[in-house]
Amino acid sequence: APDEVLGKNHRLLQGPDTDEKPVAAMREAIGSEERVTVE
């Protein structure tokens, strides 16, 4: 629900089998203020 995620980071959707590579790509793009698309 919205009140369960607002104010929190997207990483709450990550879990034990989430690959670190796309996560790192998103982190780098945000740090550089760039667009990015990952799966």
All heavy atoms as atom14 arrays in JSON, in Angstrom:
{
  "sequence": "APDEVLGKNHRLLQGPDTDEKPVAAMREAIGSEERVTVE",
  "atom14_mask": [
    [1, 1, 1, 1, 1, 0, 0, 0, 0, 0, 0, 0, 0, 0],
    [1, 1, 1, 1, 1, 1, 1, 0, 0, 0, 0, 0, 0, 0],
    [1, 1, 1, 1, 1, 1, 1, 1, 0, 0, 0, 0, 0, 0],
    [1, 1, 1, 1, 1, 1, 1, 1, 1, 0, 0, 0, 0, 0],
    [1, 1, 1, 1, 1, 1, 1, 0, 0, 0, 0, 0, 0, 0],
    [1, 1, 1, 1, 1, 1, 1, 1, 0, 0, 0, 0, 0, 0],
    [1, 1, 1, 1, 0, 0, 0, 0, 0, 0, 0, 0, 0, 0],
    [1, 1, 1, 1, 1, 1, 1, 1, 1, 0, 0, 0, 0, 0],
    [1, 1, 1, 1, 1, 1, 1, 1, 0, 0, 0, 0, 0, 0],
    [1, 1, 1, 1, 1, 1, 1, 1, 1, 1, 0, 0, 0, 0],
    [1, 1, 1, 1, 1, 1, 1, 1, 1, 1, 1, 0, 0, 0],
    [1, 1, 1, 1, 1, 1, 1, 1, 0, 0, 0, 0, 0, 0],
    [1, 1, 1, 1, 1, 1, 1, 1, 0, 0, 0, 0, 0, 0],
    [1, 1, 1, 1, 1, 1, 1, 1, 1, 0, 0, 0, 0, 0],
    [1, 1, 1, 1, 0, 0, 0, 0, 0, 0, 0, 0, 0, 0],
    [1, 1, 1, 1, 1, 1, 1, 0, 0, 0, 0, 0, 0, 0],
    [1, 1, 1, 1, 1, 1, 1, 1, 0, 0, 0, 0, 0, 0],
    [1, 1, 1, 1, 1, 1, 1, 0, 0, 0, 0, 0, 0, 0],
    [1, 1, 1, 1, 1, 1, 1, 1, 0, 0, 0, 0, 0, 0],
    [1, 1, 1, 1, 1, 1, 1, 1, 1, 0, 0, 0, 0, 0],
    [1, 1, 1, 1, 1, 1, 1, 1, 1, 0, 0, 0, 0, 0],
    [1, 1, 1, 1, 1, 1, 1, 0, 0, 0, 0, 0, 0, 0],
    [1, 1, 1, 1, 1, 1, 1, 0, 0, 0, 0, 0, 0, 0],
    [1, 1, 1, 1, 1, 0, 0, 0, 0, 0, 0, 0, 0, 0],
    [1, 1, 1, 1, 1, 0, 0, 0, 0, 0, 0, 0, 0, 0],
    [1, 1, 1, 1, 1, 1, 1, 1, 0, 0, 0, 0, 0, 0],
    [1, 1, 1, 1, 1, 1, 1, 1, 1, 1, 1, 0, 0, 0],
    [1, 1, 1, 1, 1, 1, 1, 1, 1, 0, 0, 0, 0, 0],
    [1, 1, 1, 1, 1, 0, 0, 0, 0, 0, 0, 0, 0, 0],
    [1, 1, 1, 1, 1, 1, 1, 1, 0, 0, 0, 0, 0, 0],
    [1, 1, 1, 1, 0, 0, 0, 0, 0, 0, 0, 0, 0, 0],
    [1, 1, 1, 1, 1, 1, 0, 0, 0, 0, 0, 0, 0, 0],
    [1, 1, 1, 1, 1, 1, 1, 1, 1, 0, 0, 0, 0, 0],
    [1, 1, 1, 1, 1, 1, 1, 1, 1, 0, 0, 0, 0, 0],
    [1, 1, 1, 1, 1, 1, 1, 1, 1, 1, 1, 0, 0, 0],
    [1, 1, 1, 1, 1, 1, 1, 0, 0, 0, 0, 0, 0, 0],
    [1, 1, 1, 1, 1, 1, 1, 0, 0, 0, 0, 0, 0, 0],
    [1, 1, 1, 1, 1, 1, 1, 0, 0, 0, 0, 0, 0, 0],
    [1, 1, 1, 1, 1, 1, 1, 1, 1, 0, 0, 0, 0, 0]
  ],
  "atom14_positions": [
    [[0.85, -1.19, 0.0], [0.0, 0.0, 0.0], [0.89, 1.24, 0.0], [2.04, 1.19, 0.44], [-0.9, 0.01, 1.23], [0.0, 0.0, 0.0], [0.0, 0.0, 0.0], [0.0, 0.0, 0.0], [0.0, 0.0, 0.0], [0.0, 0.0, 0.0], [0.0, 0.0, 0.0], [0.0, 0.0, 0.0], [0.0, 0.0, 0.0], [0.0, 0.0, 0.0]],
    [[0.38, 2.37, -0.51], [1.2, 3.58, -0.54], [1.83, 3.95, 0.8], [3.01, 4.3, 0.86], [0.22, 4.65, -1.03], [-0.75, 3.9, -1.86], [-0.93, 2.58, -1.17], [0.0, 0.0, 0.0], [0.0, 0.0, 0.0], [0.0, 0.0, 0.0], [0.0, 0.0, 0.0], [0.0, 0.0, 0.0], [0.0, 0.0, 0.0], [0.0, 0.0, 0.0]],
    [[1.05, 3.85, 1.89], [1.6, 4.27, 3.18], [2.67, 3.31, 3.71], [3.36, 3.62, 4.69], [0.48, 4.43, 4.22], [-0.3, 3.14, 4.45], [0.01, 2.12, 3.8], [-1.23, 3.15, 5.27], [0.0, 0.0, 0.0], [0.0, 0.0, 0.0], [0.0, 0.0, 0.0], [0.0, 0.0, 0.0], [0.0, 0.0, 0.0], [0.0, 0.0, 0.0]],
    [[2.84, 2.17, 3.04], [3.88, 1.23, 3.44], [5.21, 1.48, 2.72], [6.24, 0.96, 3.14], [3.43, -0.21, 3.17], [2.24, -0.65, 4.0], [1.76, -2.03, 3.64], [1.51, -2.29, 2.43], [1.65, -2.88, 4.55], [0.0, 0.0, 0.0], [0.0, 0.0, 0.0], [0.0, 0.0, 0.0], [0.0, 0.0, 0.0], [0.0, 0.0, 0.0]],
    [[5.17, 2.27, 1.64], [6.39, 2.5, 0.87], [6.81, 3.96, 0.8], [7.99, 4.27, 0.6], [6.25, 1.93, -0.56], [6.09, 0.43, -0.53], [5.08, 2.59, -1.29], [0.0, 0.0, 0.0], [0.0, 0.0, 0.0], [0.0, 0.0, 0.0], [0.0, 0.0, 0.0], [0.0, 0.0, 0.0], [0.0, 0.0, 0.0], [0.0, 0.0, 0.0]],
    [[5.85, 4.88, 0.94], [6.21, 6.3, 0.85], [7.18, 6.65, 1.98], [6.96, 6.28, 3.13], [4.96, 7.17, 0.93], [3.98, 7.02, -0.24], [2.8, 7.97, -0.06], [4.67, 7.26, -1.57], [0.0, 0.0, 0.0], [0.0, 0.0, 0.0], [0.0, 0.0, 0.0], [0.0, 0.0, 0.0], [0.0, 0.0, 0.0], [0.0, 0.0, 0.0]],
    [[8.23, 7.35, 1.61], [9.26, 7.69, 2.59], [10.36, 6.64, 2.67], [11.31, 6.8, 3.44], [0.0, 0.0, 0.0], [0.0, 0.0, 0.0], [0.0, 0.0, 0.0], [0.0, 0.0, 0.0], [0.0, 0.0, 0.0], [0.0, 0.0, 0.0], [0.0, 0.0, 0.0], [0.0, 0.0, 0.0], [0.0, 0.0, 0.0], [0.0, 0.0, 0.0]],
    [[10.25, 5.57, 1.85], [11.25, 4.51, 1.88], [11.92, 4.37, 0.51], [11.38, 4.79, -0.5], [10.6, 3.18, 2.29], [10.0, 3.21, 3.69], [9.38, 1.88, 4.04], [8.76, 1.93, 5.45], [8.09, 0.65, 5.81], [0.0, 0.0, 0.0], [0.0, 0.0, 0.0], [0.0, 0.0, 0.0], [0.0, 0.0, 0.0], [0.0, 0.0, 0.0]],
    [[13.06, 3.73, 0.5], [13.82, 3.53, -0.73], [13.3, 2.29, -1.48], [12.75, 1.37, -0.88], [15.3, 3.36, -0.4], [16.17, 3.33, -1.64], [16.31, 2.31, -2.3], [16.77, 4.47, -1.96], [0.0, 0.0, 0.0], [0.0, 0.0, 0.0], [0.0, 0.0, 0.0], [0.0, 0.0, 0.0], [0.0, 0.0, 0.0], [0.0, 0.0, 0.0]],
    [[13.56, 2.27, -2.79], [13.12, 1.14, -3.62], [13.73, -0.19, -3.2], [13.22, -1.26, -3.57], [13.5, 1.39, -5.09], [12.53, 2.26, -5.82], [12.69, 3.62, -5.93], [11.38, 1.96, -6.48], [11.69, 4.12, -6.64], [10.87, 3.15, -6.99], [0.0, 0.0, 0.0], [0.0, 0.0, 0.0], [0.0, 0.0, 0.0], [0.0, 0.0, 0.0]],
    [[14.82, -0.15, -2.46], [15.48, -1.42, -2.13], [14.6, -2.36, -1.31], [14.93, -3.53, -1.16], [16.79, -1.15, -1.4], [16.67, -0.67, 0.04], [18.03, -0.6, 0.71], [18.87, 0.37, 0.09], [18.9, 1.67, 0.42], [18.1, 2.12, 1.38], [19.69, 2.51, -0.19], [0.0, 0.0, 0.0], [0.0, 0.0, 0.0], [0.0, 0.0, 0.0]],
    [[13.49, -1.84, -0.77], [12.61, -2.74, -0.02], [12.03, -3.83, -0.92], [11.52, -4.85, -0.43], [11.49, -1.97, 0.67], [10.42, -1.24, -0.17], [9.3, -2.16, -0.6], [9.84, -0.07, 0.6], [0.0, 0.0, 0.0], [0.0, 0.0, 0.0], [0.0, 0.0, 0.0], [0.0, 0.0, 0.0], [0.0, 0.0, 0.0], [0.0, 0.0, 0.0]],
    [[12.13, -3.65, -2.27], [11.66, -4.68, -3.19], [12.73, -5.74, -3.46], [12.44, -6.76, -4.1], [11.26, -4.04, -4.53], [10.1, -3.04, -4.51], [9.87, -2.47, -5.9], [8.84, -3.67, -3.97], [0.0, 0.0, 0.0], [0.0, 0.0, 0.0], [0.0, 0.0, 0.0], [0.0, 0.0, 0.0], [0.0, 0.0, 0.0], [0.0, 0.0, 0.0]],
    [[13.94, -5.52, -2.98], [15.02, -6.47, -3.23], [14.96, -7.62, -2.21], [14.39, -7.49, -1.13], [16.36, -5.76, -3.17], [16.52, -4.66, -4.23], [17.76, -3.82, -4.03], [18.7, -4.24, -3.37], [17.76, -2.63, -4.62], [0.0, 0.0, 0.0], [0.0, 0.0, 0.0], [0.0, 0.0, 0.0], [0.0, 0.0, 0.0], [0.0, 0.0, 0.0]],
    [[15.57, -8.74, -2.62], [15.57, -9.92, -1.76], [16.81, -10.77, -1.97], [17.79, -10.33, -2.59], [0.0, 0.0, 0.0], [0.0, 0.0, 0.0], [0.0, 0.0, 0.0], [0.0, 0.0, 0.0], [0.0, 0.0, 0.0], [0.0, 0.0, 0.0], [0.0, 0.0, 0.0], [0.0, 0.0, 0.0], [0.0, 0.0, 0.0], [0.0, 0.0, 0.0]],
    [[16.78, -12.01, -1.5], [17.98, -12.85, -1.51], [18.52, -13.15, -2.9], [19.74, -13.36, -3.05], [17.51, -14.13, -0.8], [16.01, -14.1, -0.89], [15.64, -12.67, -0.84], [0.0, 0.0, 0.0], [0.0, 0.0, 0.0], [0.0, 0.0, 0.0], [0.0, 0.0, 0.0], [0.0, 0.0, 0.0], [0.0, 0.0, 0.0], [0.0, 0.0, 0.0]],
    [[17.67, -13.2, -3.93], [18.15, -13.54, -5.28], [18.21, -12.32, -6.2], [18.27, -12.48, -7.43], [17.25, -14.61, -5.89], [17.41, -15.96, -5.2], [18.51, -16.23, -4.71], [16.42, -16.72, -5.16], [0.0, 0.0, 0.0], [0.0, 0.0, 0.0], [0.0, 0.0, 0.0], [0.0, 0.0, 0.0], [0.0, 0.0, 0.0], [0.0, 0.0, 0.0]],
    [[18.18, -11.15, -5.63], [18.33, -9.95, -6.44], [19.79, -9.78, -6.84], [20.68, -9.73, -5.98], [17.85, -8.7, -5.67], [16.48, -8.85, -5.31], [18.01, -7.45, -6.54], [0.0, 0.0, 0.0], [0.0, 0.0, 0.0], [0.0, 0.0, 0.0], [0.0, 0.0, 0.0], [0.0, 0.0, 0.0], [0.0, 0.0, 0.0], [0.0, 0.0, 0.0]],
    [[20.04, -9.71, -8.14], [21.41, -9.58, -8.66], [21.96, -8.19, -8.32], [21.29, -7.17, -8.52], [21.41, -9.79, -10.18], [22.81, -9.93, -10.75], [23.79, -9.57, -10.07], [22.92, -10.4, -11.89], [0.0, 0.0, 0.0], [0.0, 0.0, 0.0], [0.0, 0.0, 0.0], [0.0, 0.0, 0.0], [0.0, 0.0, 0.0], [0.0, 0.0, 0.0]],
    [[23.17, -8.13, -7.85], [23.78, -6.86, -7.45], [24.14, -6.0, -8.66], [24.18, -4.77, -8.55], [25.02, -7.13, -6.61], [25.82, -5.89, -6.22], [25.01, -4.87, -5.41], [24.04, -5.29, -4.73], [25.34, -3.67, -5.47], [0.0, 0.0, 0.0], [0.0, 0.0, 0.0], [0.0, 0.0, 0.0], [0.0, 0.0, 0.0], [0.0, 0.0, 0.0]],
    [[24.38, -6.61, -9.84], [24.82, -5.83, -10.99], [23.79, -4.78, -11.43], [24.14, -3.6, -11.59], [25.16, -6.76, -12.15], [26.43, -7.58, -11.92], [26.75, -8.44, -13.13], [28.01, -9.26, -12.89], [28.34, -10.14, -14.05], [0.0, 0.0, 0.0], [0.0, 0.0, 0.0], [0.0, 0.0, 0.0], [0.0, 0.0, 0.0], [0.0, 0.0, 0.0]],
    [[22.53, -5.14, -11.66], [21.56, -4.1, -12.02], [21.33, -3.09, -10.9], [21.08, -1.91, -11.16], [20.28, -4.88, -12.34], [20.45, -6.2, -11.67], [21.91, -6.48, -11.71], [0.0, 0.0, 0.0], [0.0, 0.0, 0.0], [0.0, 0.0, 0.0], [0.0, 0.0, 0.0], [0.0, 0.0, 0.0], [0.0, 0.0, 0.0], [0.0, 0.0, 0.0]],
    [[21.42, -3.55, -9.65], [21.28, -2.62, -8.53], [22.41, -1.59, -8.56], [22.18, -0.39, -8.38], [21.28, -3.38, -7.19], [21.29, -2.4, -6.01], [20.08, -4.31, -7.09], [0.0, 0.0, 0.0], [0.0, 0.0, 0.0], [0.0, 0.0, 0.0], [0.0, 0.0, 0.0], [0.0, 0.0, 0.0], [0.0, 0.0, 0.0], [0.0, 0.0, 0.0]],
    [[23.63, -2.05, -8.82], [24.78, -1.14, -8.9], [24.63, -0.18, -10.08], [25.0, 1.0, -9.99], [26.07, -1.94, -9.02], [0.0, 0.0, 0.0], [0.0, 0.0, 0.0], [0.0, 0.0, 0.0], [0.0, 0.0, 0.0], [0.0, 0.0, 0.0], [0.0, 0.0, 0.0], [0.0, 0.0, 0.0], [0.0, 0.0, 0.0], [0.0, 0.0, 0.0]],
    [[24.07, -0.68, -11.2], [23.88, 0.17, -12.37], [22.89, 1.29, -12.06], [23.1, 2.45, -12.46], [23.38, -0.66, -13.54], [0.0, 0.0, 0.0], [0.0, 0.0, 0.0], [0.0, 0.0, 0.0], [0.0, 0.0, 0.0], [0.0, 0.0, 0.0], [0.0, 0.0, 0.0], [0.0, 0.0, 0.0], [0.0, 0.0, 0.0], [0.0, 0.0, 0.0]],
    [[21.83, 0.97, -11.34], [20.86, 2.0, -10.96], [21.5, 3.0, -10.0], [21.31, 4.21, -10.13], [19.63, 1.36, -10.31], [18.74, 0.62, -11.27], [17.16, 0.12, -10.53], [17.72, -1.12, -9.35], [0.0, 0.0, 0.0], [0.0, 0.0, 0.0], [0.0, 0.0, 0.0], [0.0, 0.0, 0.0], [0.0, 0.0, 0.0], [0.0, 0.0, 0.0]],
    [[22.27, 2.5, -9.04], [22.91, 3.36, -8.06], [23.88, 4.33, -8.76], [23.92, 5.54, -8.45], [23.65, 2.52, -7.03], [24.2, 3.33, -5.86], [25.02, 2.45, -4.92], [24.24, 1.3, -4.46], [24.56, 0.04, -4.7], [25.64, -0.25, -5.42], [23.81, -0.96, -4.24], [0.0, 0.0, 0.0], [0.0, 0.0, 0.0], [0.0, 0.0, 0.0]],
    [[24.63, 3.82, -9.71], [25.59, 4.66, -10.43], [24.88, 5.71, -11.27], [25.3, 6.88, -11.32], [26.48, 3.78, -11.31], [27.53, 4.57, -12.08], [28.41, 3.67, -12.93], [28.32, 2.43, -12.79], [29.19, 4.2, -13.75], [0.0, 0.0, 0.0], [0.0, 0.0, 0.0], [0.0, 0.0, 0.0], [0.0, 0.0, 0.0], [0.0, 0.0, 0.0]],
    [[23.79, 5.31, -11.96], [23.06, 6.25, -12.8], [22.44, 7.37, -11.97], [22.48, 8.55, -12.35], [21.97, 5.51, -13.58], [0.0, 0.0, 0.0], [0.0, 0.0, 0.0], [0.0, 0.0, 0.0], [0.0, 0.0, 0.0], [0.0, 0.0, 0.0], [0.0, 0.0, 0.0], [0.0, 0.0, 0.0], [0.0, 0.0, 0.0], [0.0, 0.0, 0.0]],
    [[21.88, 7.02, -10.82], [21.29, 8.03, -9.95], [22.37, 8.98, -9.44], [22.17, 10.2, -9.39], [20.55, 7.35, -8.78], [19.3, 6.64, -9.3], [20.18, 8.38, -7.71], [18.58, 5.81, -8.27], [0.0, 0.0, 0.0], [0.0, 0.0, 0.0], [0.0, 0.0, 0.0], [0.0, 0.0, 0.0], [0.0, 0.0, 0.0], [0.0, 0.0, 0.0]],
    [[23.53, 8.42, -9.09], [24.62, 9.27, -8.63], [25.12, 10.22, -9.69], [25.61, 11.31, -9.4], [0.0, 0.0, 0.0], [0.0, 0.0, 0.0], [0.0, 0.0, 0.0], [0.0, 0.0, 0.0], [0.0, 0.0, 0.0], [0.0, 0.0, 0.0], [0.0, 0.0, 0.0], [0.0, 0.0, 0.0], [0.0, 0.0, 0.0], [0.0, 0.0, 0.0]],
    [[24.99, 9.81, -10.98], [25.45, 10.63, -12.1], [24.33, 11.42, -12.74], [24.54, 12.09, -13.76], [26.12, 9.75, -13.15], [27.19, 9.02, -12.6], [0.0, 0.0, 0.0], [0.0, 0.0, 0.0], [0.0, 0.0, 0.0], [0.0, 0.0, 0.0], [0.0, 0.0, 0.0], [0.0, 0.0, 0.0], [0.0, 0.0, 0.0], [0.0, 0.0, 0.0]],
    [[23.12, 11.32, -12.2], [21.93, 11.98, -12.75], [21.71, 11.6, -14.21], [21.51, 12.44, -15.09], [22.04, 13.5, -12.6], [22.11, 13.97, -11.16], [22.14, 15.47, -11.03], [21.84, 16.17, -12.02], [22.47, 15.97, -9.93], [0.0, 0.0, 0.0], [0.0, 0.0, 0.0], [0.0, 0.0, 0.0], [0.0, 0.0, 0.0], [0.0, 0.0, 0.0]],
    [[21.73, 10.3, -14.47], [21.55, 9.78, -15.82], [20.37, 8.82, -15.87], [19.91, 8.31, -14.85], [22.82, 9.05, -16.29], [24.05, 9.95, -16.39], [25.27, 9.17, -16.79], [25.22, 7.92, -16.75], [26.3, 9.79, -17.14], [0.0, 0.0, 0.0], [0.0, 0.0, 0.0], [0.0, 0.0, 0.0], [0.0, 0.0, 0.0], [0.0, 0.0, 0.0]],
    [[19.88, 8.57, -17.08], [18.83, 7.59, -17.29], [19.42, 6.18, -17.25], [20.59, 5.98, -17.6], [18.16, 7.8, -18.65], [17.43, 9.13, -18.79], [16.98, 9.32, -20.23], [16.23, 10.55, -20.39], [14.91, 10.64, -20.4], [14.2, 9.52, -20.25], [14.29, 11.78, -20.54], [0.0, 0.0, 0.0], [0.0, 0.0, 0.0], [0.0, 0.0, 0.0]],
    [[18.58, 5.23, -16.87], [19.04, 3.85, -16.86], [17.84, 2.91, -16.94], [16.74, 3.26, -16.47], [19.85, 3.54, -15.58], [18.97, 3.62, -14.34], [20.53, 2.19, -15.67], [0.0, 0.0, 0.0], [0.0, 0.0, 0.0], [0.0, 0.0, 0.0], [0.0, 0.0, 0.0], [0.0, 0.0, 0.0], [0.0, 0.0, 0.0], [0.0, 0.0, 0.0]],
    [[18.04, 1.76, -17.58], [17.02, 0.71, -17.63], [17.69, -0.62, -17.31], [18.72, -0.96, -17.92], [16.35, 0.62, -19.01], [15.68, 1.85, -19.3], [15.34, -0.51, -19.06], [0.0, 0.0, 0.0], [0.0, 0.0, 0.0], [0.0, 0.0, 0.0], [0.0, 0.0, 0.0], [0.0, 0.0, 0.0], [0.0, 0.0, 0.0], [0.0, 0.0, 0.0]],
    [[17.13, -1.34, -16.36], [17.7, -2.63, -15.96], [16.57, -3.63, -15.76], [15.4, -3.27, -15.66], [18.51, -2.52, -14.64], [19.67, -1.54, -14.79], [17.6, -2.09, -13.49], [0.0, 0.0, 0.0], [0.0, 0.0, 0.0], [0.0, 0.0, 0.0], [0.0, 0.0, 0.0], [0.0, 0.0, 0.0], [0.0, 0.0, 0.0], [0.0, 0.0, 0.0]],
    [[16.97, -4.9, -15.73], [16.03, -5.98, -15.4], [16.58, -6.72, -14.19], [17.76, -7.08, -14.17], [15.86, -6.93, -16.59], [15.22, -6.26, -17.8], [15.07, -7.2, -18.99], [15.49, -8.38, -18.86], [14.55, -6.76, -20.02], [0.0, 0.0, 0.0], [0.0, 0.0, 0.0], [0.0, 0.0, 0.0], [0.0, 0.0, 0.0], [0.0, 0.0, 0.0]]
  ]
}
